Amino acid sequence: QLQLVESGGGLVQAGGSLRLSCAASGRTFSSYAMGWFRQAPGKEREFVLGISGNSGNTYYSDSVKGRFTISRDNAKNTLYLQMNSLKPEDTAVYYCAARSDDGRLYWSERKYAYWGQGTQVTVFS
């Protein structure tokens, strides 16, 4: 069982930056591939970025490529999302998610077994 807790959300002006964190319980954090998803009001939850258990592979949605960066510190059991050049359309609840790392990349939320409670990010112009 893995428990995930996000933090770092807030209100930011367009063009600004935020860093989200996702703290994970358990001692096998490195065996999990992690992902960040987001859900804007009235929209379905969508994949944003993902990272393999050993940080060897990262993958991004086109909407955030070049602006957002995913990273992890397995020693601290923590996943990060650095968001730069934020836009109002980035406004959403951001969730971290985990799945056992099988070496494959997954975009679908149905492939992720563990989820955090979400943290709100609001970008105003």
N, C-alpha and C. Protein backbone atom coordinates (compact mmCIF):
# COMPACT_ATOMS: atom_id res chain seq x y z
N GLN A 1 0.84 -1.18 0.00
CA GLN A 1 0.00 0.00 0.00
C GLN A 1 0.88 1.24 0.00
N LEU A 2 0.50 2.22 -0.77
CA LEU A 2 1.25 3.46 -0.87
C LEU A 2 0.28 4.61 -0.64
N GLN A 3 0.66 5.53 0.22
CA GLN A 3 -0.15 6.73 0.45
C GLN A 3 0.60 7.94 -0.10
N LEU A 4 -0.15 8.82 -0.74
CA LEU A 4 0.43 9.98 -1.40
C LEU A 4 -0.23 11.25 -0.90
N VAL A 5 0.58 12.26 -0.62
CA VAL A 5 0.05 13.54 -0.14
C VAL A 5 0.71 14.66 -0.93
N GLU A 6 -0.09 15.42 -1.68
CA GLU A 6 0.42 16.55 -2.44
C GLU A 6 0.45 17.82 -1.59
N SER A 7 1.34 18.72 -1.97
CA SER A 7 1.39 20.04 -1.34
C SER A 7 2.01 21.02 -2.33
N GLY A 8 1.87 22.30 -2.02
CA GLY A 8 2.53 23.32 -2.83
C GLY A 8 1.63 24.09 -3.78
N GLY A 9 0.37 23.71 -3.84
CA GLY A 9 -0.53 24.44 -4.72
C GLY A 9 -0.81 25.84 -4.19
N GLY A 10 -1.45 26.64 -5.03
CA GLY A 10 -1.78 27.99 -4.60
C GLY A 10 -2.22 28.86 -5.76
N LEU A 11 -2.21 30.15 -5.48
CA LEU A 11 -2.63 31.16 -6.44
C LEU A 11 -1.39 31.85 -7.00
N VAL A 12 -1.29 31.94 -8.31
CA VAL A 12 -0.10 32.54 -8.92
C VAL A 12 -0.50 33.31 -10.17
N GLN A 13 0.22 34.36 -10.43
CA GLN A 13 -0.05 35.16 -11.62
C GLN A 13 0.52 34.47 -12.86
N ALA A 14 -0.13 34.67 -13.98
CA ALA A 14 0.36 34.11 -15.23
C ALA A 14 1.82 34.52 -15.47
N GLY A 15 2.60 33.55 -15.91
CA GLY A 15 4.03 33.77 -16.10
C GLY A 15 4.86 33.36 -14.90
N GLY A 16 4.20 33.12 -13.79
CA GLY A 16 4.90 32.75 -12.57
C GLY A 16 5.20 31.27 -12.50
N SER A 17 5.71 30.87 -11.33
CA SER A 17 6.14 29.49 -11.12
C SER A 17 5.59 28.95 -9.81
N LEU A 18 5.45 27.65 -9.77
CA LEU A 18 5.09 26.93 -8.55
C LEU A 18 5.81 25.59 -8.58
N ARG A 19 6.08 25.07 -7.41
CA ARG A 19 6.61 23.71 -7.31
C ARG A 19 5.69 22.90 -6.41
N LEU A 20 5.17 21.83 -6.96
CA LEU A 20 4.35 20.90 -6.21
C LEU A 20 5.21 19.75 -5.70
N SER A 21 4.83 19.25 -4.54
CA SER A 21 5.49 18.08 -3.98
C SER A 21 4.46 17.00 -3.73
N CYS A 22 4.91 15.77 -3.77
CA CYS A 22 4.06 14.62 -3.46
C CYS A 22 4.87 13.70 -2.56
N ALA A 23 4.50 13.64 -1.30
CA ALA A 23 5.20 12.80 -0.34
C ALA A 23 4.54 11.43 -0.30
N ALA A 24 5.37 10.41 -0.40
CA ALA A 24 4.86 9.03 -0.43
C ALA A 24 5.26 8.28 0.82
N SER A 25 4.37 7.44 1.30
CA SER A 25 4.68 6.57 2.42
C SER A 25 5.34 5.31 1.89
N GLY A 26 5.85 4.49 2.77
CA GLY A 26 6.40 3.22 2.33
C GLY A 26 7.89 3.28 2.05
N ARG A 27 8.52 2.12 1.99
CA ARG A 27 9.96 2.05 1.82
C ARG A 27 10.38 1.59 0.43
N THR A 28 9.42 1.43 -0.49
CA THR A 28 9.76 0.95 -1.83
C THR A 28 9.36 1.97 -2.89
N PHE A 29 9.51 3.23 -2.56
CA PHE A 29 9.09 4.29 -3.46
C PHE A 29 9.74 4.16 -4.82
N SER A 30 10.98 3.75 -4.86
CA SER A 30 11.71 3.68 -6.13
C SER A 30 11.17 2.60 -7.06
N SER A 31 10.34 1.71 -6.56
CA SER A 31 9.78 0.66 -7.40
C SER A 31 8.50 1.10 -8.10
N TYR A 32 8.10 2.35 -7.85
CA TYR A 32 6.88 2.87 -8.44
C TYR A 32 7.18 3.91 -9.51
N ALA A 33 6.52 3.74 -10.63
CA ALA A 33 6.48 4.82 -11.60
C ALA A 33 5.44 5.83 -11.14
N MET A 34 5.74 7.10 -11.35
CA MET A 34 4.87 8.16 -10.83
C MET A 34 4.36 9.04 -11.96
N GLY A 35 3.23 9.64 -11.69
CA GLY A 35 2.68 10.55 -12.68
C GLY A 35 1.99 11.73 -12.02
N TRP A 36 1.92 12.81 -12.75
CA TRP A 36 1.11 13.96 -12.35
C TRP A 36 -0.05 14.07 -13.34
N PHE A 37 -1.22 14.22 -12.79
CA PHE A 37 -2.42 14.44 -13.58
C PHE A 37 -3.07 15.74 -13.11
N ARG A 38 -3.97 16.27 -13.90
CA ARG A 38 -4.71 17.45 -13.48
C ARG A 38 -6.14 17.39 -13.99
N GLN A 39 -6.99 18.08 -13.26
CA GLN A 39 -8.40 18.14 -13.65
C GLN A 39 -8.89 19.56 -13.51
N ALA A 40 -9.24 20.16 -14.62
CA ALA A 40 -9.78 21.50 -14.64
C ALA A 40 -11.30 21.44 -14.46
N PRO A 41 -11.90 22.52 -14.00
CA PRO A 41 -13.36 22.52 -13.80
C PRO A 41 -14.10 22.14 -15.07
N GLY A 42 -15.00 21.17 -14.94
CA GLY A 42 -15.81 20.77 -16.08
C GLY A 42 -15.11 19.89 -17.09
N LYS A 43 -13.88 19.49 -16.78
CA LYS A 43 -13.13 18.66 -17.73
C LYS A 43 -12.71 17.35 -17.09
N GLU A 44 -12.34 16.41 -17.93
CA GLU A 44 -11.85 15.14 -17.43
C GLU A 44 -10.41 15.29 -16.94
N ARG A 45 -10.06 14.40 -16.05
CA ARG A 45 -8.68 14.41 -15.56
C ARG A 45 -7.75 14.00 -16.71
N GLU A 46 -6.61 14.68 -16.81
CA GLU A 46 -5.69 14.42 -17.91
C GLU A 46 -4.27 14.20 -17.39
N PHE A 47 -3.53 13.40 -18.14
CA PHE A 47 -2.13 13.15 -17.84
C PHE A 47 -1.32 14.41 -18.13
N VAL A 48 -0.33 14.67 -17.27
CA VAL A 48 0.54 15.83 -17.47
C VAL A 48 1.98 15.38 -17.69
N LEU A 49 2.53 14.63 -16.71
CA LEU A 49 3.90 14.15 -16.82
C LEU A 49 4.04 12.84 -16.09
N GLY A 50 5.06 12.07 -16.46
CA GLY A 50 5.33 10.83 -15.77
C GLY A 50 6.83 10.59 -15.65
N ILE A 51 7.20 9.73 -14.72
CA ILE A 51 8.60 9.44 -14.50
C ILE A 51 8.73 8.00 -14.02
N SER A 52 9.76 7.34 -14.48
CA SER A 52 9.99 5.96 -14.08
C SER A 52 10.55 5.90 -12.66
N GLY A 53 10.61 4.69 -12.12
CA GLY A 53 11.04 4.52 -10.75
C GLY A 53 12.46 5.00 -10.47
N ASN A 54 13.33 4.83 -11.42
CA ASN A 54 14.74 5.22 -11.23
C ASN A 54 15.06 6.54 -11.90
N SER A 55 14.03 7.28 -12.32
CA SER A 55 14.16 8.59 -12.98
C SER A 55 14.80 8.51 -14.35
N GLY A 56 14.98 7.29 -14.85
CA GLY A 56 15.62 7.15 -16.15
C GLY A 56 14.79 7.62 -17.31
N ASN A 57 13.49 7.57 -17.15
CA ASN A 57 12.58 7.98 -18.22
C ASN A 57 11.56 8.96 -17.71
N THR A 58 11.38 10.03 -18.46
CA THR A 58 10.32 10.99 -18.16
C THR A 58 9.53 11.23 -19.44
N TYR A 59 8.28 11.56 -19.29
CA TYR A 59 7.45 11.83 -20.46
C TYR A 59 6.42 12.88 -20.12
N TYR A 60 6.08 13.67 -21.13
CA TYR A 60 5.31 14.88 -20.94
C TYR A 60 4.17 14.96 -21.94
N SER A 61 3.11 15.61 -21.52
CA SER A 61 2.09 15.96 -22.49
C SER A 61 2.56 17.20 -23.26
N ASP A 62 2.10 17.34 -24.46
CA ASP A 62 2.53 18.47 -25.30
C ASP A 62 2.16 19.81 -24.68
N SER A 63 1.10 19.84 -23.91
CA SER A 63 0.63 21.11 -23.36
C SER A 63 1.58 21.71 -22.33
N VAL A 64 2.47 20.91 -21.76
CA VAL A 64 3.35 21.42 -20.72
C VAL A 64 4.82 21.27 -21.08
N LYS A 65 5.11 20.68 -22.21
CA LYS A 65 6.50 20.45 -22.59
C LYS A 65 7.24 21.78 -22.68
N GLY A 66 8.41 21.81 -22.06
CA GLY A 66 9.21 23.02 -22.05
C GLY A 66 8.90 23.97 -20.91
N ARG A 67 7.80 23.72 -20.21
CA ARG A 67 7.41 24.59 -19.09
C ARG A 67 7.42 23.85 -17.76
N PHE A 68 7.01 22.60 -17.76
CA PHE A 68 6.93 21.81 -16.54
C PHE A 68 8.03 20.76 -16.53
N THR A 69 8.49 20.44 -15.34
CA THR A 69 9.51 19.42 -15.17
C THR A 69 9.12 18.50 -14.02
N ILE A 70 9.24 17.22 -14.24
CA ILE A 70 8.98 16.24 -13.19
C ILE A 70 10.30 15.69 -12.70
N SER A 71 10.40 15.47 -11.42
CA SER A 71 11.59 14.87 -10.84
C SER A 71 11.19 14.13 -9.57
N ARG A 72 12.10 13.36 -9.05
CA ARG A 72 11.84 12.62 -7.83
C ARG A 72 13.12 12.47 -7.04
N ASP A 73 12.95 12.36 -5.74
CA ASP A 73 14.06 12.08 -4.83
C ASP A 73 13.67 10.81 -4.08
N ASN A 74 14.21 9.69 -4.53
CA ASN A 74 13.82 8.42 -3.92
C ASN A 74 14.29 8.31 -2.47
N ALA A 75 15.35 8.99 -2.12
CA ALA A 75 15.82 8.96 -0.74
C ALA A 75 14.84 9.66 0.19
N LYS A 76 14.09 10.62 -0.36
CA LYS A 76 13.12 11.37 0.44
C LYS A 76 11.69 10.92 0.17
N ASN A 77 11.53 9.91 -0.67
CA ASN A 77 10.18 9.43 -1.01
C ASN A 77 9.29 10.57 -1.50
N THR A 78 9.83 11.40 -2.34
CA THR A 78 9.10 12.59 -2.78
C THR A 78 9.19 12.77 -4.28
N LEU A 79 8.06 13.12 -4.85
CA LEU A 79 7.93 13.47 -6.25
C LEU A 79 7.70 14.97 -6.36
N TYR A 80 8.26 15.57 -7.42
CA TYR A 80 8.13 17.01 -7.59
C TYR A 80 7.57 17.35 -8.97
N LEU A 81 6.94 18.49 -9.01
CA LEU A 81 6.49 19.06 -10.28
C LEU A 81 6.86 20.54 -10.27
N GLN A 82 7.84 20.90 -11.07
CA GLN A 82 8.22 22.30 -11.21
C GLN A 82 7.45 22.88 -12.39
N MET A 83 6.67 23.90 -12.11
CA MET A 83 5.84 24.52 -13.14
C MET A 83 6.31 25.95 -13.37
N ASN A 84 6.76 26.23 -14.56
CA ASN A 84 7.21 27.57 -14.94
C ASN A 84 6.32 28.12 -16.05
N SER A 85 6.40 29.42 -16.25
CA SER A 85 5.62 30.08 -17.31
C SER A 85 4.15 29.66 -17.27
N LEU A 86 3.59 29.71 -16.09
CA LEU A 86 2.22 29.24 -15.92
C LEU A 86 1.22 30.10 -16.70
N LYS A 87 0.19 29.43 -17.16
CA LYS A 87 -0.86 30.07 -17.94
C LYS A 87 -2.20 29.86 -17.25
N PRO A 88 -3.17 30.73 -17.48
CA PRO A 88 -4.49 30.52 -16.87
C PRO A 88 -5.08 29.15 -17.19
N GLU A 89 -4.78 28.60 -18.35
CA GLU A 89 -5.31 27.28 -18.70
C GLU A 89 -4.65 26.14 -17.93
N ASP A 90 -3.63 26.45 -17.15
CA ASP A 90 -3.03 25.45 -16.26
C ASP A 90 -3.82 25.32 -14.95
N THR A 91 -4.78 26.18 -14.75
CA THR A 91 -5.60 26.12 -13.55
C THR A 91 -6.33 24.78 -13.46
N ALA A 92 -6.12 24.09 -12.35
CA ALA A 92 -6.69 22.75 -12.17
C ALA A 92 -6.33 22.23 -10.79
N VAL A 93 -6.95 21.13 -10.43
CA VAL A 93 -6.50 20.36 -9.28
C VAL A 93 -5.46 19.38 -9.81
N TYR A 94 -4.30 19.38 -9.17
CA TYR A 94 -3.20 18.53 -9.60
C TYR A 94 -3.09 17.33 -8.66
N TYR A 95 -2.98 16.16 -9.26
CA TYR A 95 -2.89 14.92 -8.50
C TYR A 95 -1.59 14.19 -8.84
N CYS A 96 -0.98 13.60 -7.83
CA CYS A 96 0.08 12.66 -8.11
C CYS A 96 -0.49 11.25 -8.02
N ALA A 97 0.12 10.36 -8.77
CA ALA A 97 -0.37 8.99 -8.85
C ALA A 97 0.82 8.04 -8.99
N ALA A 98 0.60 6.80 -8.60
CA ALA A 98 1.68 5.82 -8.61
C ALA A 98 1.19 4.48 -9.14
N ARG A 99 2.11 3.75 -9.75
CA ARG A 99 1.86 2.39 -10.18
C ARG A 99 3.17 1.62 -10.10
N SER A 100 3.10 0.34 -9.92
CA SER A 100 4.32 -0.46 -9.91
C SER A 100 5.01 -0.32 -11.25
N ASP A 101 6.30 -0.06 -11.21
CA ASP A 101 7.06 0.22 -12.43
C ASP A 101 7.36 -1.10 -13.15
N ASP A 102 6.80 -1.25 -14.35
CA ASP A 102 7.06 -2.44 -15.16
C ASP A 102 7.87 -2.10 -16.39
N GLY A 103 8.47 -0.92 -16.40
CA GLY A 103 9.31 -0.52 -17.52
C GLY A 103 8.56 0.10 -18.68
N ARG A 104 7.24 0.17 -18.59
CA ARG A 104 6.45 0.76 -19.66
C ARG A 104 5.95 2.13 -19.25
N LEU A 105 5.55 2.90 -20.22
CA LEU A 105 5.03 4.24 -19.99
C LEU A 105 3.53 4.23 -20.17
N TYR A 106 2.83 4.85 -19.23
CA TYR A 106 1.37 4.84 -19.28
C TYR A 106 0.83 6.25 -19.13
N TRP A 107 -0.10 6.59 -20.00
CA TRP A 107 -0.75 7.89 -19.96
C TRP A 107 -2.12 7.81 -19.29
N SER A 108 -2.68 6.62 -19.27
CA SER A 108 -4.04 6.48 -18.80
C SER A 108 -4.11 6.44 -17.28
N GLU A 109 -5.05 7.18 -16.73
CA GLU A 109 -5.19 7.20 -15.27
C GLU A 109 -5.62 5.83 -14.75
N ARG A 110 -6.22 5.02 -15.61
CA ARG A 110 -6.67 3.70 -15.16
C ARG A 110 -5.51 2.77 -14.86
N LYS A 111 -4.33 3.11 -15.31
CA LYS A 111 -3.15 2.28 -15.06
C LYS A 111 -2.50 2.59 -13.71
N TYR A 112 -2.96 3.63 -13.05
CA TYR A 112 -2.35 4.05 -11.79
C TYR A 112 -3.22 3.61 -10.62
N ALA A 113 -2.60 2.94 -9.67
CA ALA A 113 -3.37 2.33 -8.58
C ALA A 113 -3.51 3.24 -7.36
N TYR A 114 -2.56 4.15 -7.19
CA TYR A 114 -2.55 4.97 -5.97
C TYR A 114 -2.61 6.44 -6.35
N TRP A 115 -3.41 7.19 -5.57
CA TRP A 115 -3.65 8.59 -5.86
C TRP A 115 -3.59 9.44 -4.59
N GLY A 116 -3.10 10.66 -4.77
CA GLY A 116 -3.18 11.63 -3.70
C GLY A 116 -4.53 12.32 -3.71
N GLN A 117 -4.72 13.24 -2.78
CA GLN A 117 -6.01 13.91 -2.63
C GLN A 117 -6.13 15.12 -3.56
N GLY A 118 -5.02 15.56 -4.12
CA GLY A 118 -5.03 16.69 -5.04
C GLY A 118 -4.69 18.00 -4.36
N THR A 119 -4.13 18.91 -5.14
CA THR A 119 -3.83 20.26 -4.65
C THR A 119 -4.23 21.25 -5.74
N GLN A 120 -4.87 22.32 -5.33
CA GLN A 120 -5.41 23.29 -6.29
C GLN A 120 -4.32 24.25 -6.75
N VAL A 121 -4.25 24.44 -8.05
CA VAL A 121 -3.39 25.46 -8.65
C VAL A 121 -4.29 26.40 -9.45
N THR A 122 -4.21 27.68 -9.12
CA THR A 122 -5.01 28.68 -9.81
C THR A 122 -4.08 29.74 -10.38
N VAL A 123 -4.17 29.94 -11.68
CA VAL A 123 -3.33 30.92 -12.37
C VAL A 123 -4.23 32.04 -12.89
N PHE A 124 -3.94 33.26 -12.46
CA PHE A 124 -4.76 34.38 -12.89
C PHE A 124 -3.94 35.29 -13.81
N SER A 125 -4.66 35.95 -14.71
CA SER A 125 -3.99 36.83 -15.68
C SER A 125 -4.03 38.27 -15.23
